[in-house]
Structure formats: structure tokens, C-alpha cells
N, C-alpha and C. Protein backbone atom coordinates (compact mmCIF):
# COMPACT_ATOMS: atom_id res chain seq x y z
N MET A 1 93.01 106.47 130.01
CA MET A 1 91.85 107.26 129.68
C MET A 1 91.62 107.19 128.17
N ILE A 2 90.37 107.01 127.79
CA ILE A 2 90.00 106.98 126.37
C ILE A 2 89.24 108.26 126.05
N ALA A 3 89.60 108.88 124.93
CA ALA A 3 88.96 110.13 124.50
C ALA A 3 88.85 110.15 122.98
N GLN A 4 87.80 110.81 122.49
CA GLN A 4 87.69 111.01 121.05
C GLN A 4 88.79 111.97 120.63
N LEU A 5 89.41 111.69 119.50
CA LEU A 5 90.51 112.51 119.00
C LEU A 5 90.02 113.42 117.89
N THR A 6 90.39 114.68 117.96
CA THR A 6 90.05 115.64 116.92
C THR A 6 91.12 115.52 115.84
N HIS A 7 90.95 114.50 115.00
CA HIS A 7 91.98 114.15 114.02
C HIS A 7 92.16 115.21 112.93
N SER A 8 91.22 116.14 112.81
CA SER A 8 91.38 117.22 111.82
C SER A 8 92.44 118.23 112.27
N ASN A 9 92.79 118.20 113.55
CA ASN A 9 93.87 119.02 114.09
C ASN A 9 95.20 118.40 113.63
N ASN A 10 96.05 119.18 112.98
CA ASN A 10 97.29 118.64 112.42
C ASN A 10 98.22 118.02 113.46
N ASP A 11 98.28 118.61 114.67
CA ASP A 11 99.13 118.03 115.71
C ASP A 11 98.60 116.66 116.14
N ILE A 12 97.30 116.56 116.32
CA ILE A 12 96.70 115.28 116.73
C ILE A 12 96.84 114.26 115.60
N ALA A 13 96.62 114.69 114.35
CA ALA A 13 96.81 113.79 113.21
C ALA A 13 98.24 113.27 113.17
N SER A 14 99.21 114.10 113.50
CA SER A 14 100.61 113.67 113.53
C SER A 14 100.87 112.65 114.64
N HIS A 15 100.21 112.81 115.78
CA HIS A 15 100.35 111.84 116.87
C HIS A 15 99.74 110.49 116.47
N ILE A 16 98.56 110.54 115.84
CA ILE A 16 97.92 109.31 115.36
C ILE A 16 98.84 108.64 114.34
N TYR A 17 99.37 109.42 113.41
CA TYR A 17 100.28 108.92 112.38
C TYR A 17 101.49 108.21 113.02
N ALA A 18 102.05 108.80 114.05
CA ALA A 18 103.22 108.21 114.71
C ALA A 18 102.89 106.85 115.30
N VAL A 19 101.73 106.73 115.95
CA VAL A 19 101.31 105.44 116.51
C VAL A 19 101.08 104.44 115.38
N PHE A 20 100.39 104.87 114.32
CA PHE A 20 100.14 104.00 113.18
C PHE A 20 101.46 103.47 112.60
N GLN A 21 102.41 104.37 112.34
CA GLN A 21 103.67 103.97 111.72
C GLN A 21 104.42 102.95 112.57
N ALA A 22 104.54 103.22 113.86
CA ALA A 22 105.29 102.32 114.75
C ALA A 22 104.61 100.95 114.82
N SER A 23 103.31 100.94 114.97
CA SER A 23 102.58 99.68 115.10
C SER A 23 102.50 98.91 113.79
N TYR A 24 102.18 99.62 112.70
CA TYR A 24 102.01 98.95 111.42
C TYR A 24 103.32 98.41 110.84
N LYS A 25 104.46 99.00 111.21
CA LYS A 25 105.75 98.44 110.77
C LYS A 25 105.94 97.05 111.37
N ILE A 26 105.53 96.89 112.61
CA ILE A 26 105.63 95.59 113.27
C ILE A 26 104.64 94.61 112.66
N GLU A 27 103.42 95.08 112.36
CA GLU A 27 102.43 94.20 111.74
C GLU A 27 102.88 93.77 110.35
N ALA A 28 103.46 94.69 109.58
CA ALA A 28 103.96 94.35 108.23
C ALA A 28 105.02 93.26 108.32
N ALA A 29 105.91 93.35 109.31
CA ALA A 29 106.94 92.32 109.50
C ALA A 29 106.29 90.98 109.87
N LEU A 30 105.27 91.02 110.73
CA LEU A 30 104.56 89.81 111.14
C LEU A 30 103.90 89.15 109.92
N ILE A 31 103.32 89.96 109.06
CA ILE A 31 102.65 89.46 107.86
C ILE A 31 103.68 89.01 106.83
N GLY A 32 104.85 89.63 106.84
CA GLY A 32 105.91 89.27 105.90
C GLY A 32 105.81 90.03 104.59
N THR A 33 105.48 91.33 104.69
CA THR A 33 105.36 92.13 103.47
C THR A 33 106.06 93.48 103.64
N ASP A 34 106.55 93.99 102.51
CA ASP A 34 107.09 95.34 102.48
C ASP A 34 106.04 96.31 101.92
N ASN A 35 104.98 95.75 101.36
CA ASN A 35 103.93 96.56 100.74
C ASN A 35 102.67 96.47 101.60
N PHE A 36 102.65 97.23 102.70
CA PHE A 36 101.53 97.19 103.64
C PHE A 36 100.77 98.51 103.52
N PRO A 37 99.58 98.50 102.91
CA PRO A 37 98.86 99.74 102.61
C PRO A 37 98.70 100.73 103.77
N PRO A 38 98.44 100.28 105.01
CA PRO A 38 98.29 101.29 106.08
C PRO A 38 99.53 102.17 106.30
N LEU A 39 100.70 101.67 105.92
CA LEU A 39 101.92 102.46 106.10
C LEU A 39 102.02 103.62 105.11
N SER A 40 101.20 103.60 104.07
CA SER A 40 101.25 104.68 103.09
C SER A 40 100.37 105.87 103.47
N ARG A 41 99.59 105.75 104.52
CA ARG A 41 98.75 106.88 104.95
C ARG A 41 99.63 107.99 105.50
N THR A 42 99.26 109.22 105.18
CA THR A 42 100.00 110.39 105.65
C THR A 42 99.23 111.07 106.78
N PRO A 43 99.88 111.96 107.54
CA PRO A 43 99.14 112.73 108.54
C PRO A 43 97.98 113.51 107.90
N GLN A 44 98.19 113.99 106.67
CA GLN A 44 97.12 114.73 105.99
C GLN A 44 95.95 113.82 105.65
N ASP A 45 96.23 112.57 105.26
CA ASP A 45 95.16 111.59 105.01
C ASP A 45 94.33 111.39 106.27
N ILE A 46 95.01 111.29 107.39
CA ILE A 46 94.32 111.10 108.67
C ILE A 46 93.48 112.33 109.00
N ALA A 47 94.06 113.51 108.86
CA ALA A 47 93.36 114.76 109.16
C ALA A 47 92.11 114.92 108.30
N ASN A 48 92.17 114.44 107.06
CA ASN A 48 91.05 114.59 106.12
C ASN A 48 90.05 113.44 106.17
N SER A 49 90.28 112.47 107.01
CA SER A 49 89.43 111.28 107.06
C SER A 49 88.03 111.60 107.59
N ASN A 50 87.05 110.87 107.10
CA ASN A 50 85.67 111.00 107.57
C ASN A 50 85.33 110.01 108.67
N THR A 51 86.31 109.31 109.17
CA THR A 51 86.11 108.32 110.22
C THR A 51 86.23 108.99 111.59
N LEU A 52 85.93 108.20 112.63
CA LEU A 52 86.07 108.67 114.01
C LEU A 52 87.29 107.99 114.62
N PHE A 53 88.04 108.73 115.41
CA PHE A 53 89.23 108.21 116.08
C PHE A 53 89.07 108.37 117.59
N TYR A 54 89.45 107.31 118.33
CA TYR A 54 89.47 107.36 119.78
C TYR A 54 90.86 106.93 120.22
N GLY A 55 91.38 107.62 121.22
CA GLY A 55 92.72 107.32 121.68
C GLY A 55 92.75 106.90 123.12
N PHE A 56 93.67 106.01 123.44
CA PHE A 56 93.93 105.60 124.81
C PHE A 56 95.20 106.32 125.24
N TYR A 57 95.07 107.11 126.28
CA TYR A 57 96.21 107.86 126.80
C TYR A 57 96.74 107.20 128.06
N GLU A 58 98.04 107.08 128.12
CA GLU A 58 98.72 106.69 129.34
C GLU A 58 99.54 107.91 129.74
N GLY A 59 99.04 108.62 130.75
CA GLY A 59 99.61 109.92 131.07
C GLY A 59 99.34 110.87 129.92
N ASP A 60 100.37 111.52 129.42
CA ASP A 60 100.23 112.42 128.27
C ASP A 60 100.54 111.72 126.95
N SER A 61 100.82 110.44 127.00
CA SER A 61 101.25 109.69 125.82
C SER A 61 100.07 109.00 125.15
N LEU A 62 99.94 109.20 123.83
CA LEU A 62 98.93 108.49 123.06
C LEU A 62 99.44 107.07 122.86
N ALA A 63 98.85 106.13 123.58
CA ALA A 63 99.35 104.76 123.61
C ALA A 63 98.64 103.85 122.60
N GLY A 64 97.41 104.19 122.22
CA GLY A 64 96.66 103.36 121.29
C GLY A 64 95.59 104.17 120.60
N VAL A 65 95.20 103.71 119.41
CA VAL A 65 94.20 104.41 118.61
C VAL A 65 93.27 103.38 117.97
N ILE A 66 91.97 103.65 118.04
CA ILE A 66 91.00 102.86 117.28
C ILE A 66 90.27 103.82 116.36
N GLU A 67 90.13 103.41 115.12
CA GLU A 67 89.46 104.22 114.09
C GLU A 67 88.22 103.46 113.66
N ILE A 68 87.08 104.14 113.66
CA ILE A 68 85.83 103.48 113.31
C ILE A 68 85.01 104.29 112.32
N THR A 69 84.12 103.57 111.67
CA THR A 69 83.05 104.17 110.89
C THR A 69 81.75 103.69 111.51
N TYR A 70 80.81 104.60 111.71
CA TYR A 70 79.53 104.23 112.31
C TYR A 70 78.41 104.90 111.53
N GLN A 71 77.55 104.07 110.94
CA GLN A 71 76.43 104.61 110.18
C GLN A 71 75.33 103.55 110.12
N ASP A 72 74.11 103.98 110.35
CA ASP A 72 72.94 103.10 110.26
C ASP A 72 73.12 101.83 111.10
N LYS A 73 73.61 102.00 112.31
CA LYS A 73 73.81 100.90 113.27
C LYS A 73 74.84 99.86 112.80
N LEU A 74 75.66 100.24 111.82
CA LEU A 74 76.78 99.40 111.40
C LEU A 74 78.06 100.05 111.94
N LEU A 75 78.79 99.29 112.75
CA LEU A 75 80.05 99.75 113.33
C LEU A 75 81.18 99.00 112.64
N VAL A 76 82.08 99.72 112.00
CA VAL A 76 83.23 99.11 111.34
C VAL A 76 84.50 99.60 112.03
N ILE A 77 85.29 98.67 112.49
CA ILE A 77 86.61 99.02 113.04
C ILE A 77 87.56 99.07 111.85
N ASP A 78 87.96 100.29 111.50
CA ASP A 78 88.83 100.49 110.34
C ASP A 78 90.29 100.25 110.68
N SER A 79 90.69 100.57 111.90
CA SER A 79 92.06 100.31 112.32
C SER A 79 92.12 100.29 113.84
N LEU A 80 93.07 99.53 114.34
CA LEU A 80 93.32 99.44 115.78
C LEU A 80 94.82 99.26 115.94
N THR A 81 95.45 100.24 116.57
CA THR A 81 96.91 100.19 116.73
C THR A 81 97.29 100.56 118.16
N VAL A 82 98.37 99.97 118.61
CA VAL A 82 98.94 100.30 119.92
C VAL A 82 100.42 100.58 119.71
N ALA A 83 100.91 101.65 120.30
CA ALA A 83 102.33 101.98 120.21
C ALA A 83 103.14 100.84 120.83
N PRO A 84 104.21 100.41 120.16
CA PRO A 84 104.99 99.27 120.65
C PRO A 84 105.43 99.38 122.11
N LEU A 85 105.71 100.57 122.59
CA LEU A 85 106.10 100.73 124.00
C LEU A 85 104.98 100.34 124.96
N HIS A 86 103.76 100.22 124.43
CA HIS A 86 102.59 99.93 125.26
C HIS A 86 101.95 98.59 124.94
N PHE A 87 102.65 97.73 124.17
CA PHE A 87 102.14 96.39 123.89
C PHE A 87 101.95 95.62 125.19
N ARG A 88 101.01 94.70 125.16
CA ARG A 88 100.76 93.75 126.25
C ARG A 88 100.28 94.41 127.55
N LYS A 89 99.58 95.53 127.40
CA LYS A 89 99.00 96.20 128.57
C LYS A 89 97.47 96.15 128.52
N GLY A 90 96.91 95.47 127.53
CA GLY A 90 95.47 95.36 127.41
C GLY A 90 94.80 96.57 126.76
N ILE A 91 95.59 97.45 126.17
CA ILE A 91 95.05 98.69 125.59
C ILE A 91 94.13 98.41 124.41
N ALA A 92 94.53 97.50 123.52
CA ALA A 92 93.69 97.19 122.36
C ALA A 92 92.33 96.67 122.81
N GLY A 93 92.32 95.80 123.79
CA GLY A 93 91.06 95.27 124.32
C GLY A 93 90.19 96.34 124.93
N LYS A 94 90.81 97.28 125.63
CA LYS A 94 90.04 98.38 126.22
C LYS A 94 89.42 99.26 125.15
N LEU A 95 90.15 99.49 124.06
CA LEU A 95 89.61 100.30 122.97
C LEU A 95 88.45 99.57 122.27
N ILE A 96 88.60 98.27 122.06
CA ILE A 96 87.51 97.48 121.47
C ILE A 96 86.28 97.55 122.38
N ASP A 97 86.46 97.26 123.67
CA ASP A 97 85.34 97.32 124.61
C ASP A 97 84.67 98.68 124.58
N TYR A 98 85.47 99.73 124.53
CA TYR A 98 84.93 101.08 124.53
C TYR A 98 83.97 101.30 123.37
N VAL A 99 84.41 101.00 122.15
CA VAL A 99 83.53 101.28 121.00
C VAL A 99 82.34 100.32 120.96
N LEU A 100 82.53 99.08 121.40
CA LEU A 100 81.40 98.15 121.40
C LEU A 100 80.33 98.57 122.39
N ASN A 101 80.73 99.27 123.45
CA ASN A 101 79.76 99.72 124.45
C ASN A 101 79.25 101.14 124.20
N ALA A 102 80.01 101.94 123.46
CA ALA A 102 79.64 103.34 123.24
C ALA A 102 78.64 103.53 122.10
N PHE A 103 78.55 102.54 121.20
CA PHE A 103 77.70 102.68 120.03
C PHE A 103 76.61 101.63 120.02
N ASP A 104 75.40 102.04 119.64
CA ASP A 104 74.26 101.15 119.51
C ASP A 104 74.30 100.57 118.10
N PHE A 105 74.82 99.36 117.96
CA PHE A 105 75.00 98.77 116.65
C PHE A 105 74.23 97.46 116.55
N THR A 106 73.88 97.08 115.32
CA THR A 106 73.30 95.76 115.07
C THR A 106 74.36 94.82 114.50
N LYS A 107 75.39 95.43 113.88
CA LYS A 107 76.48 94.63 113.32
C LYS A 107 77.78 95.41 113.49
N ALA A 108 78.82 94.69 113.92
CA ALA A 108 80.16 95.26 114.01
C ALA A 108 81.08 94.38 113.18
N ILE A 109 81.92 95.01 112.36
CA ILE A 109 82.80 94.29 111.45
C ILE A 109 84.24 94.78 111.61
N VAL A 110 85.18 93.85 111.47
CA VAL A 110 86.59 94.18 111.46
C VAL A 110 87.29 93.24 110.49
N GLU A 111 88.36 93.70 109.88
CA GLU A 111 89.17 92.87 108.98
C GLU A 111 90.62 92.91 109.45
N THR A 112 91.31 91.78 109.24
CA THR A 112 92.74 91.72 109.53
C THR A 112 93.35 90.67 108.62
N ALA A 113 94.66 90.66 108.56
CA ALA A 113 95.36 89.66 107.75
C ALA A 113 95.15 88.27 108.34
N VAL A 114 94.96 87.28 107.48
CA VAL A 114 94.75 85.90 107.92
C VAL A 114 95.90 85.41 108.80
N VAL A 115 97.12 85.89 108.52
CA VAL A 115 98.28 85.43 109.29
C VAL A 115 98.47 86.21 110.60
N ASN A 116 97.63 87.18 110.87
CA ASN A 116 97.76 87.97 112.11
C ASN A 116 97.00 87.28 113.25
N ALA A 117 97.53 86.16 113.69
CA ALA A 117 96.88 85.35 114.72
C ALA A 117 96.61 86.13 116.02
N PRO A 118 97.54 86.98 116.49
CA PRO A 118 97.24 87.72 117.73
C PRO A 118 96.00 88.61 117.59
N ALA A 119 95.85 89.28 116.46
CA ALA A 119 94.68 90.15 116.26
C ALA A 119 93.40 89.32 116.17
N ILE A 120 93.46 88.20 115.46
CA ILE A 120 92.28 87.34 115.33
C ILE A 120 91.84 86.85 116.70
N ARG A 121 92.79 86.38 117.52
CA ARG A 121 92.46 85.92 118.88
C ARG A 121 91.83 87.05 119.70
N LEU A 122 92.38 88.24 119.58
CA LEU A 122 91.86 89.39 120.33
C LEU A 122 90.41 89.67 119.93
N TYR A 123 90.14 89.73 118.65
CA TYR A 123 88.77 90.02 118.20
C TYR A 123 87.82 88.90 118.61
N GLN A 124 88.25 87.64 118.50
CA GLN A 124 87.39 86.53 118.90
C GLN A 124 87.10 86.59 120.40
N LYS A 125 88.08 86.99 121.18
CA LYS A 125 87.89 87.14 122.63
C LYS A 125 86.79 88.15 122.94
N HIS A 126 86.60 89.11 122.05
CA HIS A 126 85.59 90.16 122.25
C HIS A 126 84.28 89.85 121.52
N GLY A 127 84.13 88.60 121.05
CA GLY A 127 82.86 88.16 120.50
C GLY A 127 82.75 88.17 118.99
N PHE A 128 83.81 88.52 118.29
CA PHE A 128 83.77 88.51 116.83
C PHE A 128 83.94 87.08 116.31
N ASN A 129 83.26 86.77 115.20
CA ASN A 129 83.36 85.46 114.56
C ASN A 129 83.69 85.65 113.09
N GLU A 130 84.50 84.75 112.56
CA GLU A 130 84.88 84.82 111.15
C GLU A 130 83.64 84.65 110.27
N PHE A 131 83.56 85.48 109.21
CA PHE A 131 82.49 85.28 108.24
C PHE A 131 82.96 85.32 106.80
N LYS A 132 84.21 85.71 106.56
CA LYS A 132 84.66 85.80 105.16
C LYS A 132 86.19 85.85 105.11
N ARG A 133 86.75 85.22 104.08
CA ARG A 133 88.18 85.33 103.73
C ARG A 133 88.25 85.82 102.29
N PHE A 134 89.19 86.71 102.03
CA PHE A 134 89.32 87.26 100.68
C PHE A 134 90.73 87.83 100.50
N THR A 135 91.10 88.06 99.25
CA THR A 135 92.40 88.64 98.94
C THR A 135 92.19 89.88 98.09
N PRO A 136 92.39 91.08 98.68
CA PRO A 136 92.27 92.32 97.91
C PRO A 136 93.43 92.47 96.91
N SER A 137 93.38 93.53 96.13
CA SER A 137 94.36 93.74 95.06
C SER A 137 95.81 93.83 95.56
N HIS A 138 96.01 94.24 96.83
CA HIS A 138 97.39 94.33 97.34
C HIS A 138 97.99 92.96 97.65
N GLY A 139 97.15 91.91 97.61
CA GLY A 139 97.67 90.55 97.71
C GLY A 139 97.78 89.96 99.10
N ILE A 140 97.43 90.70 100.14
CA ILE A 140 97.50 90.17 101.51
C ILE A 140 96.14 89.54 101.84
N GLU A 141 96.13 88.21 102.05
CA GLU A 141 94.87 87.52 102.36
C GLU A 141 94.30 88.06 103.67
N LYS A 142 93.00 88.38 103.64
CA LYS A 142 92.36 88.97 104.80
C LYS A 142 91.22 88.11 105.31
N LEU A 143 90.87 88.36 106.54
CA LEU A 143 89.80 87.68 107.24
C LEU A 143 88.86 88.77 107.77
N ALA A 144 87.57 88.61 107.54
CA ALA A 144 86.59 89.52 108.10
C ALA A 144 85.87 88.83 109.24
N LEU A 145 85.70 89.57 110.33
CA LEU A 145 85.01 89.04 111.50
C LEU A 145 83.83 89.94 111.83
N VAL A 146 82.81 89.37 112.46
CA VAL A 146 81.58 90.12 112.70
C VAL A 146 80.98 89.76 114.06
N ILE A 147 80.28 90.74 114.62
CA ILE A 147 79.37 90.53 115.75
C ILE A 147 78.02 91.00 115.25
N GLU A 148 77.01 90.16 115.38
CA GLU A 148 75.65 90.56 114.99
C GLU A 148 74.76 90.47 116.22
N LYS A 149 74.00 91.55 116.44
CA LYS A 149 73.06 91.60 117.55
C LYS A 149 71.64 91.56 117.02
N GLU A 150 70.80 90.83 117.71
CA GLU A 150 69.38 90.87 117.36
C GLU A 150 68.77 92.09 117.99
N GLN A 151 67.87 92.74 117.27
CA GLN A 151 67.22 93.96 117.78
C GLN A 151 65.81 93.70 118.19
């Protein structure tokens, strides 16, 4: 089941944080870095965020989280994480499908590390295409992918 998460609630922010930490530690190892910016987010940062969070629940367990920004028909996937116990169950794909179908957008954008081949394949499977490569100040080369719809 997918539901919008009230991330301003400290308990829910802590659950989101737990999924982020478990998933992003694995992503940091995949990328080969000890300095992975998403790992520095705190539960309070999540609670204070102006983004929208949706969670995939398996029973009572928060198994995956997608964080988005939506404004003026621009949909940005800010983060997508799945708890390691729930890897390879199609949860990330279900969360992507959910937001792509729930919002009326003209452009959807997502960024990931260039070396994160599994994430790139997943986004491409859902219709995203590469449009930019860049290296932010933290030094991890990134890839931006986009879906553009004609209106």
C-alpha cells in the first residue's frame, strides 16, 4: 500500500530517516564514498522539509519512500529509497509509477550517481532519458534524467 506520509510528525520522520539511513549506506558503498550527502540528513531535517513524501508499506513496515517536489507541472524526484530487507520486490518501481500517475506534470526529473547503474536502469525502464552529467561540490559525478510530456 502506498500512502502520503505526514513527515512533519516526528515519529514518521524517524521512520523515514531509518529507511534512508539503511538504504543510503548501501548506495554509498556502491558509489565508493564515505562522504555521501544524503546520510547527513537528520530526522529533524526530514520533519522540516517542504517536499512531499510517499511510503510503501508492507504490512505495518515502511518498506520504501519516495520524496518529491511538485510545482508548476514540474515533478522532481528528490529521493527514492527502499529498506534493504525489501530489496528486489519491485517497491521502487511501484513508487515511481505512483508519482508519475498521481501528478499532472509536463516534465519529471531525477538525479543519481553516474556509477549507480541499477538506479539508472530503473529510471530508464520507467521512461526517463539522460539529459545531463555534472559533478557537484561534493565530488560525486551525477546523471540527470528526464521525462517530458507534450501538452
